Amino acid sequence: MSAVSDSLVITRRNLIRMSRIPEMVIFGLVQPIMFVVLFTYVFGGSIQVGSSTSTQAYREFLMAGIFAQTVTFATAGAGAGIADDMHKGLIDRFRSLPMTRGAVLTGRTIADLAQTALTLVVLAIVAVIVGWRTHENFGKVLAGFGLLLLLGYAFSWIGALIGLSVRTPEAATSGGLIWLFPLTFISNAFVDANMMPPFLRHIAEWNPFSATVQACRELFGNLPPGFKASEAWPMQHPVWASLIWSVVIITIFRTLAVRKYRRAGG
């Protein structure tokens, strides 16, 4: 109970900090909105998904990828925030208090999750404005967004580990983005993975990012006409694959991040 209480105190502290620096949230919204507009109007109609090249089919195919990219790119911000707290000595102050060691990191990741949820809400509104629609019941749509938030929470622990491992917030931002670009682009987020060369297709099919994207497309009812998923297990069972990948990532990287935090405190 003390761990939960301490984590909620740190969460509240970070949420208050975010509310006092609104540009953090605003700038976090600009990039995904730009991706929505650019991919919808620049690439829409020129990329074949399934048996269709219509703008509407690609728009609905695209949005699950944009949502997933948005929650994973929040990793860089999470890492930079923790690195900034380390650089300013705030983490050392927390260590001097009688609180659970993992609470500082847990509170930070939960606050980042709240910011990610807000970003998803705004991004979904923008998507509806440009023509995105869901074709499943409300429960399935909510489940899709739940998988997105779970993936974002999992990746925030990767960001936490990076933030604890570097010396400056700038290094945390660079380190948090450099591996995200191949992860998100060698996937099924923006194009049909079946159209990739075989070695890239296999990587995309077993990419945890791809599993969540495919799961959301199924739960949103956004699979285009004539689309056929590959025979790879994660693409045939994307919801289960997404859940398993997220839980595994949380388990591994939370353990590593808390251990790194304790060693840094020693």
C-alpha atoms as a PDB file:
ATOM      1  CA  MET A   1       0.000   0.000   0.000  1.00  0.00           C
ATOM      2  CA  SER A   2       2.857   2.385   0.736  1.00  0.00           C
ATOM      3  CA  ALA A   3       4.252   1.748  -2.758  1.00  0.00           C
ATOM      4  CA  VAL A   4       0.867   2.591  -4.292  1.00  0.00           C
ATOM      5  CA  SER A   5       0.521   5.715  -2.152  1.00  0.00           C
ATOM      6  CA  ASP A   6       4.032   6.912  -2.994  1.00  0.00           C
ATOM      7  CA  SER A   7       3.477   6.276  -6.701  1.00  0.00           C
ATOM      8  CA  LEU A   8       0.246   8.300  -6.674  1.00  0.00           C
ATOM      9  CA  VAL A   9       2.013  11.205  -4.940  1.00  0.00           C
ATOM     10  CA  ILE A  10       4.685  11.259  -7.656  1.00  0.00           C
ATOM     11  CA  THR A  11       2.016  10.926 -10.338  1.00  0.00           C
ATOM     12  CA  ARG A  12       0.200  13.948  -8.941  1.00  0.00           C
ATOM     13  CA  ARG A  13       3.444  15.919  -8.827  1.00  0.00           C
ATOM     14  CA  ASN A  14       4.152  15.204 -12.498  1.00  0.00           C
ATOM     15  CA  LEU A  15       0.597  15.960 -13.613  1.00  0.00           C
ATOM     16  CA  ILE A  16       0.718  19.334 -11.845  1.00  0.00           C
ATOM     17  CA  ARG A  17       4.044  20.032 -13.547  1.00  0.00           C
ATOM     18  CA  MET A  18       2.568  19.194 -16.954  1.00  0.00           C
ATOM     19  CA  SER A  19      -0.447  21.455 -16.363  1.00  0.00           C
ATOM     20  CA  ARG A  20       1.891  24.346 -15.581  1.00  0.00           C
ATOM     21  CA  ILE A  21       3.871  23.789 -18.776  1.00  0.00           C
ATOM     22  CA  PRO A  22       1.082  23.396 -21.380  1.00  0.00           C
ATOM     23  CA  GLU A  23       3.496  23.704 -24.285  1.00  0.00           C
ATOM     24  CA  MET A  24       4.714  20.191 -23.413  1.00  0.00           C
ATOM     25  CA  VAL A  25       1.279  18.835 -24.309  1.00  0.00           C
ATOM     26  CA  ILE A  26       0.771  21.164 -27.271  1.00  0.00           C
ATOM     27  CA  PHE A  27       4.069  20.302 -28.948  1.00  0.00           C
ATOM     28  CA  GLY A  28       3.359  16.635 -28.312  1.00  0.00           C
ATOM     29  CA  LEU A  29       0.168  17.014 -30.378  1.00  0.00           C
ATOM     30  CA  VAL A  30       1.696  18.824 -33.348  1.00  0.00           C
ATOM     31  CA  GLN A  31       3.708  15.923 -34.781  1.00  0.00           C
ATOM     32  CA  PRO A  32       0.935  13.273 -34.845  1.00  0.00           C
ATOM     33  CA  ILE A  33      -1.533  15.774 -36.314  1.00  0.00           C
ATOM     34  CA  MET A  34       0.990  16.584 -39.052  1.00  0.00           C
ATOM     35  CA  PHE A  35       1.416  12.873 -39.770  1.00  0.00           C
ATOM     36  CA  VAL A  36      -2.356  12.442 -40.071  1.00  0.00           C
ATOM     37  CA  VAL A  37      -2.739  15.339 -42.508  1.00  0.00           C
ATOM     38  CA  LEU A  38       0.358  14.554 -44.590  1.00  0.00           C
ATOM     39  CA  PHE A  39      -0.204  10.815 -44.941  1.00  0.00           C
ATOM     40  CA  THR A  40      -3.928  11.247 -45.567  1.00  0.00           C
ATOM     41  CA  TYR A  41      -3.708  13.884 -48.280  1.00  0.00           C
ATOM     42  CA  VAL A  42      -0.257  13.203 -49.746  1.00  0.00           C
ATOM     43  CA  PHE A  43      -0.178   9.390 -49.804  1.00  0.00           C
ATOM     44  CA  GLY A  44      -3.900   8.637 -49.656  1.00  0.00           C
ATOM     45  CA  GLY A  45      -5.048   7.075 -52.925  1.00  0.00           C
ATOM     46  CA  SER A  46      -1.519   6.283 -54.106  1.00  0.00           C
ATOM     47  CA  ILE A  47      -0.837   3.332 -51.782  1.00  0.00           C
ATOM     48  CA  GLN A  48      -2.653   0.043 -52.266  1.00  0.00           C
ATOM     49  CA  VAL A  49      -3.959  -1.737 -49.192  1.00  0.00           C
ATOM     50  CA  GLY A  50      -5.765  -4.991 -49.769  1.00  0.00           C
ATOM     51  CA  SER A  51      -7.481  -4.666 -53.118  1.00  0.00           C
ATOM     52  CA  SER A  52      -8.206  -0.959 -52.807  1.00  0.00           C
ATOM     53  CA  THR A  53      -6.351   2.274 -53.540  1.00  0.00           C
ATOM     54  CA  SER A  54      -9.160   4.575 -52.402  1.00  0.00           C
ATOM     55  CA  THR A  55      -8.335   7.475 -50.125  1.00  0.00           C
ATOM     56  CA  GLN A  56     -10.956   6.417 -47.577  1.00  0.00           C
ATOM     57  CA  ALA A  57      -9.619   2.853 -47.365  1.00  0.00           C
ATOM     58  CA  TYR A  58      -6.073   4.083 -46.800  1.00  0.00           C
ATOM     59  CA  ARG A  59      -7.237   6.684 -44.273  1.00  0.00           C
ATOM     60  CA  GLU A  60      -8.877   4.016 -42.142  1.00  0.00           C
ATOM     61  CA  PHE A  61      -5.915   1.664 -42.622  1.00  0.00           C
ATOM     62  CA  LEU A  62      -3.512   4.450 -41.612  1.00  0.00           C
ATOM     63  CA  MET A  63      -5.051   5.693 -38.382  1.00  0.00           C
ATOM     64  CA  ALA A  64      -4.227   2.657 -36.232  1.00  0.00           C
ATOM     65  CA  GLY A  65      -0.580   3.101 -37.256  1.00  0.00           C
ATOM     66  CA  ILE A  66      -0.620   6.813 -36.419  1.00  0.00           C
ATOM     67  CA  PHE A  67      -2.199   6.122 -33.021  1.00  0.00           C
ATOM     68  CA  ALA A  68       0.429   3.480 -32.236  1.00  0.00           C
ATOM     69  CA  GLN A  69       3.273   5.695 -33.440  1.00  0.00           C
ATOM     70  CA  THR A  70       2.034   8.515 -31.214  1.00  0.00           C
ATOM     71  CA  VAL A  71       2.012   6.418 -28.028  1.00  0.00           C
ATOM     72  CA  THR A  72       5.458   4.959 -28.756  1.00  0.00           C
ATOM     73  CA  PHE A  73       7.067   8.294 -29.628  1.00  0.00           C
ATOM     74  CA  ALA A  74       6.071   9.498 -26.157  1.00  0.00           C
ATOM     75  CA  THR A  75       8.961   7.284 -25.003  1.00  0.00           C
ATOM     76  CA  ALA A  76      11.448  10.009 -25.906  1.00  0.00           C
ATOM     77  CA  GLY A  77       9.620  12.538 -23.740  1.00  0.00           C
ATOM     78  CA  ALA A  78       9.495  10.140 -20.810  1.00  0.00           C
ATOM     79  CA  GLY A  79      13.223   9.498 -21.016  1.00  0.00           C
ATOM     80  CA  ALA A  80      14.036  13.189 -21.361  1.00  0.00           C
ATOM     81  CA  GLY A  81      11.872  14.040 -18.339  1.00  0.00           C
ATOM     82  CA  ILE A  82      13.613  11.520 -16.090  1.00  0.00           C
ATOM     83  CA  ALA A  83      17.034  12.580 -17.384  1.00  0.00           C
ATOM     84  CA  ASP A  84      16.119  16.202 -16.637  1.00  0.00           C
ATOM     85  CA  ASP A  85      15.099  15.291 -13.078  1.00  0.00           C
ATOM     86  CA  MET A  86      18.402  13.435 -12.670  1.00  0.00           C
ATOM     87  CA  HIS A  87      20.369  16.372 -14.082  1.00  0.00           C
ATOM     88  CA  LYS A  88      18.707  18.875 -11.738  1.00  0.00           C
ATOM     89  CA  GLY A  89      19.225  16.679  -8.684  1.00  0.00           C
ATOM     90  CA  LEU A  90      15.503  16.147  -8.105  1.00  0.00           C
ATOM     91  CA  ILE A  91      15.901  12.367  -8.074  1.00  0.00           C
ATOM     92  CA  ASP A  92      18.519  12.707  -5.323  1.00  0.00           C
ATOM     93  CA  ARG A  93      15.996  14.621  -3.241  1.00  0.00           C
ATOM     94  CA  PHE A  94      13.449  11.854  -3.692  1.00  0.00           C
ATOM     95  CA  ARG A  95      16.042   9.304  -2.601  1.00  0.00           C
ATOM     96  CA  SER A  96      16.476  11.172   0.680  1.00  0.00           C
ATOM     97  CA  LEU A  97      12.782  10.709   1.477  1.00  0.00           C
ATOM     98  CA  PRO A  98      11.286   7.623   3.183  1.00  0.00           C
ATOM     99  CA  MET A  99       9.551   6.313   0.063  1.00  0.00           C
ATOM    100  CA  THR A 100       9.515   3.180  -2.054  1.00  0.00           C
ATOM    101  CA  ARG A 101      12.341   3.103  -4.578  1.00  0.00           C
ATOM    102  CA  GLY A 102      10.218   2.164  -7.571  1.00  0.00           C
ATOM    103  CA  ALA A 103       7.536   4.761  -6.792  1.00  0.00           C
ATOM    104  CA  VAL A 104       9.442   7.597  -8.479  1.00  0.00           C
ATOM    105  CA  LEU A 105       9.581   5.766 -11.789  1.00  0.00           C
ATOM    106  CA  THR A 106       6.068   4.323 -11.504  1.00  0.00           C
ATOM    107  CA  GLY A 107       4.593   7.735 -10.766  1.00  0.00           C
ATOM    108  CA  ARG A 108       6.434   9.232 -13.719  1.00  0.00           C
ATOM    109  CA  THR A 109       5.265   6.554 -16.159  1.00  0.00           C
ATOM    110  CA  ILE A 110       1.647   6.802 -14.974  1.00  0.00           C
ATOM    111  CA  ALA A 111       1.717  10.592 -15.458  1.00  0.00           C
ATOM    112  CA  ASP A 112       3.139  10.074 -18.957  1.00  0.00           C
ATOM    113  CA  LEU A 113       0.322   7.594 -19.608  1.00  0.00           C
ATOM    114  CA  ALA A 114      -2.240  10.256 -18.654  1.00  0.00           C
ATOM    115  CA  GLN A 115      -0.647  12.703 -21.079  1.00  0.00           C
ATOM    116  CA  THR A 116      -0.638  10.040 -23.795  1.00  0.00           C
ATOM    117  CA  ALA A 117      -4.350   9.378 -23.209  1.00  0.00           C
ATOM    118  CA  LEU A 118      -5.104  13.086 -23.652  1.00  0.00           C
ATOM    119  CA  THR A 119      -3.067  13.136 -26.851  1.00  0.00           C
ATOM    120  CA  LEU A 120      -4.992  10.133 -28.193  1.00  0.00           C
ATOM    121  CA  VAL A 121      -8.334  11.824 -27.500  1.00  0.00           C
ATOM    122  CA  VAL A 122      -7.321  14.961 -29.417  1.00  0.00           C
ATOM    123  CA  LEU A 123      -5.799  12.914 -32.230  1.00  0.00           C
ATOM    124  CA  ALA A 124      -8.965  10.804 -32.543  1.00  0.00           C
ATOM    125  CA  ILE A 125     -11.028  13.978 -32.892  1.00  0.00           C
ATOM    126  CA  VAL A 126      -8.705  15.219 -35.661  1.00  0.00           C
ATOM    127  CA  ALA A 127      -8.940  11.808 -37.359  1.00  0.00           C
ATOM    128  CA  VAL A 128     -12.740  11.961 -37.331  1.00  0.00           C
ATOM    129  CA  ILE A 129     -12.583  15.441 -38.847  1.00  0.00           C
ATOM    130  CA  VAL A 130     -10.443  14.232 -41.777  1.00  0.00           C
ATOM    131  CA  GLY A 131     -12.789  11.283 -42.382  1.00  0.00           C
ATOM    132  CA  TRP A 132     -11.683   8.367 -40.200  1.00  0.00           C
ATOM    133  CA  ARG A 133     -14.516   6.106 -39.047  1.00  0.00           C
ATOM    134  CA  THR A 134     -14.812   2.936 -36.947  1.00  0.00           C
ATOM    135  CA  HIS A 135     -17.089   0.048 -37.938  1.00  0.00           C
ATOM    136  CA  GLU A 136     -17.273  -2.012 -34.746  1.00  0.00           C
ATOM    137  CA  ASN A 137     -19.176  -1.612 -31.499  1.00  0.00           C
ATOM    138  CA  PHE A 138     -18.129   0.842 -28.816  1.00  0.00           C
ATOM    139  CA  GLY A 139     -16.667  -1.879 -26.580  1.00  0.00           C
ATOM    140  CA  LYS A 140     -14.249  -3.069 -29.258  1.00  0.00           C
ATOM    141  CA  VAL A 141     -13.201   0.489 -30.065  1.00  0.00           C
ATOM    142  CA  LEU A 142     -12.444   1.121 -26.381  1.00  0.00           C
ATOM    143  CA  ALA A 143     -10.495  -2.148 -26.253  1.00  0.00           C
ATOM    144  CA  GLY A 144      -8.403  -0.940 -29.189  1.00  0.00           C
ATOM    145  CA  PHE A 145      -7.519   2.284 -27.409  1.00  0.00           C
ATOM    146  CA  GLY A 146      -6.795   0.250 -24.275  1.00  0.00           C
ATOM    147  CA  LEU A 147      -4.215  -1.796 -26.185  1.00  0.00           C
ATOM    148  CA  LEU A 148      -2.656   1.433 -27.464  1.00  0.00           C
ATOM    149  CA  LEU A 149      -2.343   2.838 -23.941  1.00  0.00           C
ATOM    150  CA  LEU A 150      -0.891  -0.440 -22.680  1.00  0.00           C
ATOM    151  CA  LEU A 151       1.727  -0.331 -25.443  1.00  0.00           C
ATOM    152  CA  GLY A 152       2.498   3.294 -24.608  1.00  0.00           C
ATOM    153  CA  TYR A 153       2.890   2.427 -20.927  1.00  0.00           C
ATOM    154  CA  ALA A 154       5.205  -0.461 -21.808  1.00  0.00           C
ATOM    155  CA  PHE A 155       7.397   1.743 -23.964  1.00  0.00           C
ATOM    156  CA  SER A 156       7.510   4.454 -21.287  1.00  0.00           C
ATOM    157  CA  TRP A 157       9.535   2.000 -19.179  1.00  0.00           C
ATOM    158  CA  ILE A 158      12.040   1.751 -22.011  1.00  0.00           C
ATOM    159  CA  GLY A 159      12.186   5.544 -21.923  1.00  0.00           C
ATOM    160  CA  ALA A 160      12.694   5.465 -18.162  1.00  0.00           C
ATOM    161  CA  LEU A 161      15.661   3.125 -18.534  1.00  0.00           C
ATOM    162  CA  ILE A 162      17.182   5.346 -21.221  1.00  0.00           C
ATOM    163  CA  GLY A 163      16.653   8.447 -19.083  1.00  0.00           C
ATOM    164  CA  LEU A 164      18.471   6.824 -16.177  1.00  0.00           C
ATOM    165  CA  SER A 165      21.329   5.651 -18.404  1.00  0.00           C
ATOM    166  CA  VAL A 166      22.370   8.965 -19.993  1.00  0.00           C
ATOM    167  CA  ARG A 167      23.771  12.177 -18.585  1.00  0.00           C
ATOM    168  CA  THR A 168      21.637  14.881 -20.228  1.00  0.00           C
ATOM    169  CA  PRO A 169      18.012  15.338 -21.381  1.00  0.00           C
ATOM    170  CA  GLU A 170      19.287  15.999 -24.925  1.00  0.00           C
ATOM    171  CA  ALA A 171      20.987  12.601 -24.997  1.00  0.00           C
ATOM    172  CA  ALA A 172      17.809  10.976 -23.655  1.00  0.00           C
ATOM    173  CA  THR A 173      15.748  12.553 -26.442  1.00  0.00           C
ATOM    174  CA  SER A 174      18.165  11.377 -29.128  1.00  0.00           C
ATOM    175  CA  GLY A 175      18.514   7.940 -27.581  1.00  0.00           C
ATOM    176  CA  GLY A 176      14.760   7.653 -27.246  1.00  0.00           C
ATOM    177  CA  LEU A 177      14.086   8.414 -30.920  1.00  0.00           C
ATOM    178  CA  ILE A 178      16.927   6.763 -32.810  1.00  0.00           C
ATOM    179  CA  TRP A 179      15.547   3.239 -32.385  1.00  0.00           C
ATOM    180  CA  LEU A 180      11.890   4.222 -32.702  1.00  0.00           C
ATOM    181  CA  PHE A 181      12.090   5.177 -36.370  1.00  0.00           C
ATOM    182  CA  PRO A 182      13.090   1.706 -37.645  1.00  0.00           C
ATOM    183  CA  LEU A 183      10.676   0.103 -35.168  1.00  0.00           C
ATOM    184  CA  THR A 184       7.692   2.086 -36.455  1.00  0.00           C
ATOM    185  CA  PHE A 185       8.560   2.181 -40.144  1.00  0.00           C
ATOM    186  CA  ILE A 186       9.591  -1.486 -40.508  1.00  0.00           C
ATOM    187  CA  SER A 187       6.062  -2.436 -39.567  1.00  0.00           C
ATOM    188  CA  ASN A 188       2.556  -2.560 -40.956  1.00  0.00           C
ATOM    189  CA  ALA A 189       1.749   0.949 -39.716  1.00  0.00           C
ATOM    190  CA  PHE A 190       1.836   2.807 -43.039  1.00  0.00           C
ATOM    191  CA  VAL A 191       1.917   0.100 -45.722  1.00  0.00           C
ATOM    192  CA  ASP A 192       0.795  -3.490 -46.109  1.00  0.00           C
ATOM    193  CA  ALA A 193       3.657  -5.638 -44.775  1.00  0.00           C
ATOM    194  CA  ASN A 194       2.841  -8.281 -47.420  1.00  0.00           C
ATOM    195  CA  MET A 195       4.308  -5.923 -50.027  1.00  0.00           C
ATOM    196  CA  MET A 196       7.713  -5.759 -48.315  1.00  0.00           C
ATOM    197  CA  PRO A 197      10.775  -7.845 -49.271  1.00  0.00           C
ATOM    198  CA  PRO A 198      10.707 -11.204 -47.429  1.00  0.00           C
ATOM    199  CA  PHE A 199      13.371 -10.382 -44.812  1.00  0.00           C
ATOM    200  CA  LEU A 200      11.701  -7.069 -43.915  1.00  0.00           C
ATOM    201  CA  ARG A 201       8.254  -8.662 -43.938  1.00  0.00           C
ATOM    202  CA  HIS A 202       9.273 -11.223 -41.317  1.00  0.00           C
ATOM    203  CA  ILE A 203      10.661  -8.450 -39.090  1.00  0.00           C
ATOM    204  CA  ALA A 204       7.470  -6.430 -39.505  1.00  0.00           C
ATOM    205  CA  GLU A 205       5.245  -9.412 -38.732  1.00  0.00           C
ATOM    206  CA  TRP A 206       6.984 -10.140 -35.410  1.00  0.00           C
ATOM    207  CA  ASN A 207       7.378  -6.501 -34.457  1.00  0.00           C
ATOM    208  CA  PRO A 208       5.430  -5.786 -31.211  1.00  0.00           C
ATOM    209  CA  PHE A 209       4.413  -2.467 -32.741  1.00  0.00           C
ATOM    210  CA  SER A 210       2.836  -4.279 -35.721  1.00  0.00           C
ATOM    211  CA  ALA A 211       0.836  -6.576 -33.442  1.00  0.00           C
ATOM    212  CA  THR A 212      -0.845  -3.628 -31.730  1.00  0.00           C
ATOM    213  CA  VAL A 213      -1.517  -1.887 -35.046  1.00  0.00           C
ATOM    214  CA  GLN A 214      -3.110  -5.021 -36.501  1.00  0.00           C
ATOM    215  CA  ALA A 215      -5.148  -5.586 -33.338  1.00  0.00           C
ATOM    216  CA  CYS A 216      -6.491  -2.027 -33.453  1.00  0.00           C
ATOM    217  CA  ARG A 217      -7.437  -2.360 -37.127  1.00  0.00           C
ATOM    218  CA  GLU A 218      -9.467  -5.441 -36.284  1.00  0.00           C
ATOM    219  CA  LEU A 219     -11.075  -3.870 -33.215  1.00  0.00           C
ATOM    220  CA  PHE A 220     -11.848  -0.616 -35.067  1.00  0.00           C
ATOM    221  CA  GLY A 221     -13.168  -2.476 -38.123  1.00  0.00           C
ATOM    222  CA  ASN A 222     -10.589  -0.721 -40.312  1.00  0.00           C
ATOM    223  CA  LEU A 223      -9.284  -3.662 -42.343  1.00  0.00           C
ATOM    224  CA  PRO A 224      -9.566  -2.672 -46.031  1.00  0.00           C
ATOM    225  CA  PRO A 225     -11.513  -4.732 -48.603  1.00  0.00           C
ATOM    226  CA  GLY A 226      -9.542  -7.709 -49.843  1.00  0.00           C
ATOM    227  CA  PHE A 227      -6.953  -7.455 -47.088  1.00  0.00           C
ATOM    228  CA  LYS A 228      -5.428 -10.779 -46.066  1.00  0.00           C
ATOM    229  CA  ALA A 229      -3.217 -11.035 -43.008  1.00  0.00           C
ATOM    230  CA  SER A 230      -0.043 -13.085 -43.243  1.00  0.00           C
ATOM    231  CA  GLU A 231       0.233 -16.539 -41.719  1.00  0.00           C
ATOM    232  CA  ALA A 232       2.585 -15.346 -38.951  1.00  0.00           C
ATOM    233  CA  TRP A 233       1.092 -16.034 -35.495  1.00  0.00           C
ATOM    234  CA  PRO A 234       1.113 -12.379 -34.309  1.00  0.00           C
ATOM    235  CA  MET A 235      -0.840 -11.320 -37.408  1.00  0.00           C
ATOM    236  CA  GLN A 236      -3.348 -14.149 -37.010  1.00  0.00           C
ATOM    237  CA  HIS A 237      -3.846 -13.446 -33.282  1.00  0.00           C
ATOM    238  CA  PRO A 238      -2.940  -9.752 -32.983  1.00  0.00           C
ATOM    239  CA  VAL A 239      -4.901  -8.977 -29.804  1.00  0.00           C
ATOM    240  CA  TRP A 240      -3.208 -11.746 -27.838  1.00  0.00           C
ATOM    241  CA  ALA A 241       0.164 -10.913 -29.413  1.00  0.00           C
ATOM    242  CA  SER A 242      -0.222  -7.250 -28.457  1.00  0.00           C
ATOM    243  CA  LEU A 243      -1.097  -8.120 -24.854  1.00  0.00           C
ATOM    244  CA  ILE A 244       1.781 -10.575 -24.523  1.00  0.00           C
ATOM    245  CA  TRP A 245       4.342  -8.205 -26.044  1.00  0.00           C
ATOM    246  CA  SER A 246       3.263  -5.301 -23.811  1.00  0.00           C
ATOM    247  CA  VAL A 247       3.323  -7.374 -20.616  1.00  0.00           C
ATOM    248  CA  VAL A 248       6.742  -8.818 -21.482  1.00  0.00           C
ATOM    249  CA  ILE A 249       8.166  -5.341 -22.214  1.00  0.00           C
ATOM    250  CA  ILE A 250       6.770  -3.935 -18.945  1.00  0.00           C
ATOM    251  CA  THR A 251       8.130  -6.851 -16.928  1.00  0.00           C
ATOM    252  CA  ILE A 252      11.624  -6.686 -18.408  1.00  0.00           C
ATOM    253  CA  PHE A 253      12.163  -2.945 -18.613  1.00  0.00           C
ATOM    254  CA  ARG A 254      10.500  -2.064 -15.307  1.00  0.00           C
ATOM    255  CA  THR A 255      12.817  -4.525 -13.594  1.00  0.00           C
ATOM    256  CA  LEU A 256      15.861  -3.090 -15.368  1.00  0.00           C
ATOM    257  CA  ALA A 257      14.824   0.534 -14.754  1.00  0.00           C
ATOM    258  CA  VAL A 258      14.184   0.050 -11.022  1.00  0.00           C
ATOM    259  CA  ARG A 259      17.482  -1.815 -10.686  1.00  0.00           C
ATOM    260  CA  LYS A 260      19.276   1.010 -12.503  1.00  0.00           C
ATOM    261  CA  TYR A 261      17.586   3.544 -10.221  1.00  0.00           C
ATOM    262  CA  ARG A 262      18.715   1.681  -7.097  1.00  0.00           C
ATOM    263  CA  ARG A 263      22.287   1.373  -8.356  1.00  0.00           C
ATOM    264  CA  ALA A 264      22.396   5.066  -9.218  1.00  0.00           C
ATOM    265  CA  GLY A 265      21.230   5.760  -5.697  1.00  0.00           C
ATOM    266  CA  GLY A 266      23.958   3.672  -4.205  1.00  0.00           C
END
